[in-house]
Amino acid sequence: MVSFTMRYLLINKKLLIGIIIGALFLYLGFRINKAANDMHATMSEYLPQTFILPKEDSTIFSKEAREKTKVLIVYNHKFRKPISFLSFDNKYSIILFQTNYIDNPSPVKVTLKKKGNLDRTVGVIYNVIPGDGFTFQHKAGKLIAANKIILSFDGELASQSNNMEGTNFFGCIESLAMKYEEDEPQDIFIASNNRKKCWEILFINKMNKIYCLLASPNDSKQVLKPDFLYSLISTADNN
């Protein structure tokens, strides 16, 4: 009787282990298939990359600034405006893109939130773009129309100005995230590589469109002035 019970328990134990292993394989297969589908969907959102700044974006900069600005690459996308990676005077990295902010006229309403261990939103797919000493990531999929911007950061970041021309912030941070509603996932996430990196973030109104510009020195010894981006902006046709 004992021997029969032991054999019965052993058979059921093996059956249970088999069921668990089978379930794990099914779950793993599901996750791999989902990841492959997500990757395909993400890649299908991209349009061909270009190396010329879009005409309407180029008017942001003054003539003198344009002469010192080199376009590294422009990422074009189905659901958002182009994201341009620029180099100024071979010393500064600049990221430029048009936001989906619709509440004009300016100034732009920006809320700052300091957070430790800042990260992307869990369960959301992000496109990752490597930069000079940092990674820039943006959420895949369509964007919502925004009437405010929420900037979260890990480090030190302070407002420098807030007027009809624009709103800018300056500081040294490990990471930065941007979204448009409290209950929405992060839309933009920037993480420095291994150390804090100094950034100026500028939101500016040009032709009734709100642009975001981010600037950081390529060399940590290079000084970045808090109004660096303002000094590059064209004063013509500001609205």
Protein backbone atom coordinates (compact mmCIF):
# COMPACT_ATOMS: atom_id res chain seq x y z
CA MET A 1 0.00 0.00 0.00
CA VAL A 2 2.82 2.38 0.94
CA SER A 3 4.72 1.46 -2.22
CA PHE A 4 1.63 2.14 -4.37
CA THR A 5 1.08 5.50 -2.66
CA MET A 6 4.71 6.46 -3.20
CA ARG A 7 4.53 5.53 -6.88
CA TYR A 8 1.27 7.49 -7.21
CA LEU A 9 2.82 10.56 -5.61
CA LEU A 10 5.94 10.24 -7.75
CA ILE A 11 3.90 10.03 -10.95
CA ASN A 12 1.82 13.05 -9.94
CA LYS A 13 4.96 14.98 -9.03
CA LYS A 14 6.47 14.28 -12.44
CA LEU A 15 3.18 15.24 -14.09
CA LEU A 16 3.08 18.49 -12.12
CA ILE A 17 6.67 19.30 -13.06
CA GLY A 18 5.84 18.56 -16.70
CA ILE A 19 2.83 20.86 -16.59
CA ILE A 20 4.89 23.65 -15.00
CA ILE A 21 7.69 23.28 -17.57
CA GLY A 22 5.13 23.23 -20.40
CA ALA A 23 3.46 26.36 -19.03
CA LEU A 24 6.83 28.11 -18.76
CA PHE A 25 7.64 27.25 -22.38
CA LEU A 26 4.23 28.54 -23.49
CA TYR A 27 4.72 31.77 -21.54
CA LEU A 28 8.24 32.19 -22.91
CA GLY A 29 6.97 31.64 -26.44
CA PHE A 30 4.22 34.20 -25.88
CA ARG A 31 6.71 36.77 -24.57
CA ILE A 32 9.13 36.20 -27.46
CA ASN A 33 6.31 36.49 -29.99
CA LYS A 34 5.01 39.68 -28.33
CA ALA A 35 8.51 41.17 -28.24
CA ALA A 36 8.99 40.38 -31.93
CA ASN A 37 5.62 41.94 -32.80
CA ASP A 38 6.39 45.01 -30.66
CA MET A 39 9.78 45.40 -32.34
CA HIS A 40 8.20 45.13 -35.78
CA ALA A 41 5.52 47.69 -34.88
CA THR A 42 8.14 50.06 -33.47
CA MET A 43 10.41 49.80 -36.50
CA SER A 44 7.46 50.32 -38.86
CA GLU A 45 6.83 53.74 -37.25
CA TYR A 46 10.15 55.07 -38.51
CA LEU A 47 10.49 56.84 -41.83
CA PRO A 48 13.85 57.14 -43.64
CA GLN A 49 16.47 59.14 -41.75
CA THR A 50 17.69 62.40 -43.28
CA PHE A 51 20.68 64.67 -42.76
CA ILE A 52 19.20 68.08 -43.49
CA LEU A 53 17.33 70.11 -40.89
CA PRO A 54 13.64 70.55 -41.85
CA LYS A 55 13.12 74.03 -43.28
CA GLU A 56 10.65 75.21 -40.64
CA ASP A 57 12.95 73.96 -37.88
CA SER A 58 16.02 75.70 -39.30
CA THR A 59 14.35 79.11 -38.95
CA ILE A 60 14.60 78.75 -35.17
CA PHE A 61 18.32 79.50 -35.25
CA SER A 62 19.98 82.79 -36.12
CA LYS A 63 22.09 82.96 -39.30
CA GLU A 64 25.27 83.03 -37.24
CA ALA A 65 24.21 79.95 -35.25
CA ARG A 66 23.26 78.02 -38.40
CA GLU A 67 26.75 78.55 -39.79
CA LYS A 68 28.24 76.75 -36.79
CA THR A 69 25.61 74.02 -36.57
CA LYS A 70 26.10 70.60 -38.14
CA VAL A 71 23.21 68.20 -38.62
CA LEU A 72 24.27 64.77 -37.40
CA ILE A 73 21.01 62.96 -38.16
CA VAL A 74 17.27 63.60 -38.32
CA TYR A 75 14.92 60.83 -37.19
CA ASN A 76 11.61 60.97 -39.05
CA HIS A 77 8.54 59.30 -37.66
CA LYS A 78 4.93 58.57 -38.60
CA PHE A 79 3.43 59.81 -35.35
CA ARG A 80 5.66 62.67 -34.26
CA LYS A 81 7.61 65.55 -35.74
CA PRO A 82 11.26 65.00 -36.73
CA ILE A 83 13.83 64.66 -33.95
CA SER A 84 17.10 66.32 -34.98
CA PHE A 85 20.49 65.63 -33.43
CA LEU A 86 22.88 68.55 -34.00
CA SER A 87 26.42 69.53 -33.15
CA PHE A 88 27.24 73.17 -32.44
CA ASP A 89 30.83 74.30 -32.97
CA ASN A 90 31.91 70.67 -32.42
CA LYS A 91 31.54 71.33 -28.69
CA TYR A 92 27.86 70.94 -27.84
CA SER A 93 25.18 68.34 -28.56
CA ILE A 94 21.75 69.77 -29.35
CA ILE A 95 18.46 67.89 -29.68
CA LEU A 96 15.59 69.67 -31.41
CA PHE A 97 11.99 68.59 -31.89
CA GLN A 98 8.52 70.11 -32.10
CA THR A 99 6.25 69.21 -29.20
CA ASN A 100 2.53 68.45 -29.40
CA TYR A 101 1.79 71.39 -27.09
CA ILE A 102 -1.37 73.14 -28.33
CA ASP A 103 -2.16 75.72 -25.64
CA ASN A 104 -0.85 78.92 -27.26
CA PRO A 105 0.11 81.68 -26.84
CA SER A 106 3.14 81.12 -24.66
CA PRO A 107 4.56 81.04 -22.04
CA VAL A 108 4.58 77.28 -21.88
CA LYS A 109 3.23 75.78 -18.67
CA VAL A 110 5.97 73.50 -17.32
CA THR A 111 5.89 71.68 -13.97
CA LEU A 112 9.21 70.52 -12.46
CA LYS A 113 9.35 67.38 -10.32
CA LYS A 114 12.50 66.10 -8.65
CA LYS A 115 12.58 62.29 -8.40
CA GLY A 116 15.27 59.83 -7.40
CA ASN A 117 15.84 56.67 -9.45
CA LEU A 118 13.86 58.09 -12.36
CA ASP A 119 13.06 55.62 -15.12
CA ARG A 120 10.84 55.00 -18.12
CA THR A 121 7.25 53.89 -17.68
CA VAL A 122 7.00 50.13 -17.14
CA GLY A 123 5.22 48.20 -19.89
CA VAL A 124 5.68 50.93 -22.51
CA ILE A 125 7.82 50.49 -25.63
CA TYR A 126 10.54 53.10 -26.22
CA ASN A 127 12.77 53.82 -29.18
CA VAL A 128 16.36 54.24 -27.97
CA ILE A 129 18.73 56.67 -29.69
CA PRO A 130 22.37 56.84 -28.51
CA GLY A 131 23.95 60.26 -28.00
CA ASP A 132 27.31 61.63 -26.86
CA GLY A 133 27.43 60.54 -23.21
CA PHE A 134 23.67 59.92 -22.98
CA THR A 135 20.74 58.00 -24.45
CA PHE A 136 17.59 59.65 -25.75
CA GLN A 137 14.42 57.56 -25.69
CA HIS A 138 10.93 58.37 -26.90
CA LYS A 139 7.69 56.46 -26.50
CA ALA A 140 6.47 54.47 -29.48
CA GLY A 141 2.98 55.07 -30.83
CA LYS A 142 0.73 58.10 -31.21
CA LEU A 143 0.94 61.22 -29.05
CA ILE A 144 -1.75 63.02 -27.15
CA ALA A 145 -2.39 66.75 -27.57
CA ALA A 146 -0.89 68.62 -24.62
CA ASN A 147 -1.65 71.82 -22.77
CA LYS A 148 1.07 71.38 -20.16
CA ILE A 149 4.46 69.72 -19.81
CA ILE A 150 5.69 67.78 -16.78
CA LEU A 151 9.47 67.53 -16.43
CA SER A 152 10.80 65.01 -13.92
CA PHE A 153 14.51 64.88 -13.16
CA ASP A 154 17.11 63.12 -11.02
CA GLY A 155 19.72 65.68 -10.02
CA GLU A 156 19.59 69.46 -9.91
CA LEU A 157 17.47 71.49 -12.34
CA ALA A 158 16.14 75.03 -11.95
CA SER A 159 14.08 77.48 -13.98
CA GLN A 160 16.07 80.32 -15.57
CA SER A 161 13.34 82.31 -17.30
CA ASN A 162 9.65 82.10 -18.15
CA ASN A 163 8.24 84.69 -20.53
CA MET A 164 6.38 85.09 -23.80
CA GLU A 165 9.50 84.15 -25.78
CA GLY A 166 10.23 80.91 -24.00
CA THR A 167 10.86 78.92 -20.87
CA ASN A 168 14.24 77.46 -20.06
CA PHE A 169 15.84 75.32 -17.36
CA PHE A 170 19.43 74.57 -16.46
CA GLY A 171 21.18 72.01 -14.26
CA CYS A 172 23.24 68.83 -13.96
CA ILE A 173 21.18 65.66 -13.95
CA GLU A 174 21.46 61.90 -14.23
CA SER A 175 18.13 61.51 -16.01
CA LEU A 176 15.23 63.55 -17.33
CA ALA A 177 11.69 62.56 -18.31
CA MET A 178 8.92 64.48 -20.04
CA LYS A 179 5.19 63.77 -20.24
CA TYR A 180 1.98 65.74 -20.69
CA GLU A 181 -0.47 64.43 -18.09
CA GLU A 182 0.00 62.98 -14.62
CA ASP A 183 -1.60 59.65 -15.51
CA GLU A 184 0.15 59.35 -18.90
CA PRO A 185 3.39 57.39 -19.48
CA GLN A 186 6.67 59.22 -19.92
CA ASP A 187 7.00 60.39 -23.52
CA ILE A 188 10.69 61.36 -23.49
CA PHE A 189 13.41 59.86 -21.31
CA ILE A 190 17.06 60.93 -21.29
CA ALA A 191 19.69 59.13 -19.23
CA SER A 192 23.32 60.18 -18.79
CA ASN A 193 26.00 57.53 -19.10
CA ASN A 194 27.74 56.83 -15.76
CA ARG A 195 27.76 60.43 -14.51
CA LYS A 196 25.68 63.56 -14.16
CA LYS A 197 25.52 65.69 -17.29
CA CYS A 198 24.77 69.40 -17.52
CA TRP A 199 21.80 70.36 -19.70
CA GLU A 200 19.91 73.42 -20.75
CA ILE A 201 16.30 72.73 -21.74
CA LEU A 202 14.44 75.40 -23.68
CA PHE A 203 10.78 75.50 -24.75
CA ILE A 204 10.25 78.25 -27.28
CA ASN A 205 7.33 79.53 -29.35
CA LYS A 206 8.11 79.88 -33.04
CA MET A 207 5.37 80.44 -35.61
CA ASN A 208 2.77 79.34 -33.02
CA LYS A 209 4.54 76.01 -32.52
CA ILE A 210 6.26 74.99 -29.33
CA TYR A 211 9.73 73.57 -29.83
CA CYS A 212 11.91 71.80 -27.31
CA LEU A 213 15.68 72.21 -27.49
CA LEU A 214 18.15 70.43 -25.25
CA ALA A 215 21.86 71.24 -25.15
CA SER A 216 24.78 69.61 -23.37
CA PRO A 217 28.59 69.93 -23.68
CA ASN A 218 30.40 66.98 -25.25
CA ASP A 219 33.29 67.44 -22.82
CA SER A 220 32.49 67.64 -19.10
CA LYS A 221 35.20 70.33 -18.79
CA GLN A 222 33.40 72.50 -21.33
CA VAL A 223 31.33 75.26 -19.73
CA LEU A 224 27.63 75.42 -20.62
CA LYS A 225 26.08 78.79 -19.86
CA PRO A 226 22.46 78.77 -18.62
CA ASP A 227 21.35 80.97 -21.55
CA PHE A 228 23.38 79.15 -24.23
CA LEU A 229 20.37 78.08 -26.29
CA TYR A 230 18.77 81.52 -26.07
CA SER A 231 21.92 82.94 -27.65
CA LEU A 232 21.39 80.73 -30.74
CA ILE A 233 17.75 81.63 -31.34
CA SER A 234 16.66 83.91 -34.16
CA THR A 235 14.75 86.97 -32.97
CA ALA A 236 12.94 87.37 -36.30
CA ASP A 237 9.31 86.26 -36.59
CA ASN A 238 9.31 84.92 -33.05
CA ASN A 239 5.60 84.28 -33.11
